[in-house]
Amino acid sequence: DHLPLYRQEAIFGRAGVAIPRSTLASWVGQCGVQLQPLVDALKREMLEDRVLHADETPVAMLKPGNGKTHRAYLWSYCTTSYSALRAVVFDFADSRG
């Protein structure tokens, strides 16, 4: 279940545990860095399949400093139901390039 960090911060606060949002964000970032080799290996394995489903979802991304947004993309790659490997990988890109 997705729960934004500001809500998690409030939930912890009501429970009497003060965990700043910046700390929660740092933990999420550290997990992402630690898990990246696993994601890369999974993506390489998925690319060996003959058929792969892909989806491109445009998202608004805030440009730092000027308060404006630009179009970025969330890509999802998924194996088929006929594949021995059942996997989904999400990839974020700030452009189609």
C-alpha atoms as a PDB file:
ATOM      1  CA  ASP A   1       0.000   0.000   0.000  1.00  0.00           C
ATOM      2  CA  HIS A   2       1.335   3.391  -1.002  1.00  0.00           C
ATOM      3  CA  LEU A   3       1.405   5.899   1.832  1.00  0.00           C
ATOM      4  CA  PRO A   4       3.114   9.277   1.330  1.00  0.00           C
ATOM      5  CA  LEU A   5       5.904  10.109   3.747  1.00  0.00           C
ATOM      6  CA  TYR A   6       4.071  13.116   5.214  1.00  0.00           C
ATOM      7  CA  ARG A   7       1.254  10.786   6.295  1.00  0.00           C
ATOM      8  CA  GLN A   8       3.701   8.258   7.723  1.00  0.00           C
ATOM      9  CA  GLU A   9       5.404  11.069   9.640  1.00  0.00           C
ATOM     10  CA  ALA A  10       2.040  12.070  11.152  1.00  0.00           C
ATOM     11  CA  ILE A  11       1.136   8.458  12.022  1.00  0.00           C
ATOM     12  CA  PHE A  12       4.456   7.951  13.804  1.00  0.00           C
ATOM     13  CA  GLY A  13       3.976  11.298  15.563  1.00  0.00           C
ATOM     14  CA  ARG A  14       0.558  10.260  16.901  1.00  0.00           C
ATOM     15  CA  ALA A  15       2.199   7.094  18.218  1.00  0.00           C
ATOM     16  CA  GLY A  16       4.746   9.221  20.063  1.00  0.00           C
ATOM     17  CA  VAL A  17       7.653   8.474  17.725  1.00  0.00           C
ATOM     18  CA  ALA A  18       9.214  11.545  16.130  1.00  0.00           C
ATOM     19  CA  ILE A  19      10.726  10.521  12.804  1.00  0.00           C
ATOM     20  CA  PRO A  20      11.302  13.526  10.536  1.00  0.00           C
ATOM     21  CA  ARG A  21      10.163  13.236   6.931  1.00  0.00           C
ATOM     22  CA  SER A  22      13.732  13.892   5.820  1.00  0.00           C
ATOM     23  CA  THR A  23      14.834  10.760   7.705  1.00  0.00           C
ATOM     24  CA  LEU A  24      12.051   8.692   6.127  1.00  0.00           C
ATOM     25  CA  ALA A  25      13.034  10.017   2.683  1.00  0.00           C
ATOM     26  CA  SER A  26      16.674   9.151   3.339  1.00  0.00           C
ATOM     27  CA  TRP A  27      15.694   5.593   4.297  1.00  0.00           C
ATOM     28  CA  VAL A  28      13.656   5.205   1.102  1.00  0.00           C
ATOM     29  CA  GLY A  29      16.560   6.527  -0.967  1.00  0.00           C
ATOM     30  CA  GLN A  30      19.061   4.215   0.738  1.00  0.00           C
ATOM     31  CA  CYS A  31      16.796   1.212   0.098  1.00  0.00           C
ATOM     32  CA  GLY A  32      16.584   2.192  -3.555  1.00  0.00           C
ATOM     33  CA  VAL A  33      20.354   2.377  -3.870  1.00  0.00           C
ATOM     34  CA  GLN A  34      20.827  -0.986  -2.139  1.00  0.00           C
ATOM     35  CA  LEU A  35      18.165  -2.701  -4.282  1.00  0.00           C
ATOM     36  CA  GLN A  36      19.297  -1.243  -7.638  1.00  0.00           C
ATOM     37  CA  PRO A  37      21.677  -4.146  -8.484  1.00  0.00           C
ATOM     38  CA  LEU A  38      18.785  -6.570  -7.983  1.00  0.00           C
ATOM     39  CA  VAL A  39      16.515  -4.503 -10.237  1.00  0.00           C
ATOM     40  CA  ASP A  40      19.229  -4.284 -12.900  1.00  0.00           C
ATOM     41  CA  ALA A  41      19.740  -8.068 -12.831  1.00  0.00           C
ATOM     42  CA  LEU A  42      15.981  -8.675 -13.046  1.00  0.00           C
ATOM     43  CA  LYS A  43      15.678  -6.282 -16.001  1.00  0.00           C
ATOM     44  CA  ARG A  44      18.551  -8.009 -17.829  1.00  0.00           C
ATOM     45  CA  GLU A  45      16.857 -11.374 -17.265  1.00  0.00           C
ATOM     46  CA  MET A  46      13.515 -10.029 -18.503  1.00  0.00           C
ATOM     47  CA  LEU A  47      15.101  -8.656 -21.683  1.00  0.00           C
ATOM     48  CA  GLU A  48      16.087 -12.216 -22.608  1.00  0.00           C
ATOM     49  CA  ASP A  49      12.393 -13.111 -23.117  1.00  0.00           C
ATOM     50  CA  ARG A  50      11.058 -13.092 -26.669  1.00  0.00           C
ATOM     51  CA  VAL A  51       7.953 -11.097 -25.687  1.00  0.00           C
ATOM     52  CA  LEU A  52       7.757  -8.296 -23.148  1.00  0.00           C
ATOM     53  CA  HIS A  53       4.880  -5.960 -22.362  1.00  0.00           C
ATOM     54  CA  ALA A  54       5.751  -2.288 -21.897  1.00  0.00           C
ATOM     55  CA  ASP A  55       3.775   0.782 -20.904  1.00  0.00           C
ATOM     56  CA  GLU A  56       4.698   4.449 -20.934  1.00  0.00           C
ATOM     57  CA  THR A  57       2.906   6.756 -18.518  1.00  0.00           C
ATOM     58  CA  PRO A  58       3.602  10.492 -18.708  1.00  0.00           C
ATOM     59  CA  VAL A  59       3.883  12.241 -15.342  1.00  0.00           C
ATOM     60  CA  ALA A  60       4.372  15.855 -14.359  1.00  0.00           C
ATOM     61  CA  MET A  61       7.784  16.432 -12.763  1.00  0.00           C
ATOM     62  CA  LEU A  62       8.585  19.589 -10.855  1.00  0.00           C
ATOM     63  CA  LYS A  63      11.676  21.377 -12.164  1.00  0.00           C
ATOM     64  CA  PRO A  64      13.828  22.401  -9.189  1.00  0.00           C
ATOM     65  CA  GLY A  65      14.182  26.123  -8.687  1.00  0.00           C
ATOM     66  CA  ASN A  66      11.505  27.533 -10.962  1.00  0.00           C
ATOM     67  CA  GLY A  67       8.321  25.871  -9.674  1.00  0.00           C
ATOM     68  CA  LYS A  68       7.249  24.696 -13.134  1.00  0.00           C
ATOM     69  CA  THR A  69       6.655  21.146 -14.263  1.00  0.00           C
ATOM     70  CA  HIS A  70       7.770  19.260 -17.334  1.00  0.00           C
ATOM     71  CA  ARG A  71       6.769  15.910 -18.762  1.00  0.00           C
ATOM     72  CA  ALA A  72       8.647  12.901 -17.438  1.00  0.00           C
ATOM     73  CA  TYR A  73       7.869   9.218 -17.973  1.00  0.00           C
ATOM     74  CA  LEU A  74       7.257   6.152 -15.874  1.00  0.00           C
ATOM     75  CA  TRP A  75       7.901   2.970 -17.816  1.00  0.00           C
ATOM     76  CA  SER A  76       6.726  -0.451 -16.743  1.00  0.00           C
ATOM     77  CA  TYR A  77       8.012  -3.686 -18.253  1.00  0.00           C
ATOM     78  CA  CYS A  78       6.259  -6.980 -17.621  1.00  0.00           C
ATOM     79  CA  THR A  79       6.761 -10.563 -18.693  1.00  0.00           C
ATOM     80  CA  THR A  80       3.860 -12.470 -20.230  1.00  0.00           C
ATOM     81  CA  SER A  81       1.788 -15.159 -18.566  1.00  0.00           C
ATOM     82  CA  TYR A  82       3.644 -17.698 -20.744  1.00  0.00           C
ATOM     83  CA  SER A  83       7.043 -16.757 -19.375  1.00  0.00           C
ATOM     84  CA  ALA A  84       8.721 -18.887 -16.696  1.00  0.00           C
ATOM     85  CA  LEU A  85       9.779 -15.626 -15.041  1.00  0.00           C
ATOM     86  CA  ARG A  86       6.890 -13.584 -13.638  1.00  0.00           C
ATOM     87  CA  ALA A  87       8.235 -10.095 -13.096  1.00  0.00           C
ATOM     88  CA  VAL A  88       7.523  -6.386 -13.442  1.00  0.00           C
ATOM     89  CA  VAL A  89      10.142  -3.636 -13.492  1.00  0.00           C
ATOM     90  CA  PHE A  90       9.362   0.078 -13.221  1.00  0.00           C
ATOM     91  CA  ASP A  91      11.734   2.634 -14.688  1.00  0.00           C
ATOM     92  CA  PHE A  92      11.599   6.418 -14.425  1.00  0.00           C
ATOM     93  CA  ALA A  93      13.007   8.757 -17.085  1.00  0.00           C
ATOM     94  CA  ASP A  94      12.857  12.539 -17.194  1.00  0.00           C
ATOM     95  CA  SER A  95      12.583  12.396 -21.001  1.00  0.00           C
ATOM     96  CA  ARG A  96      11.982   9.908 -23.800  1.00  0.00           C
ATOM     97  CA  GLY A  97      15.635  10.208 -24.766  1.00  0.00           C
END
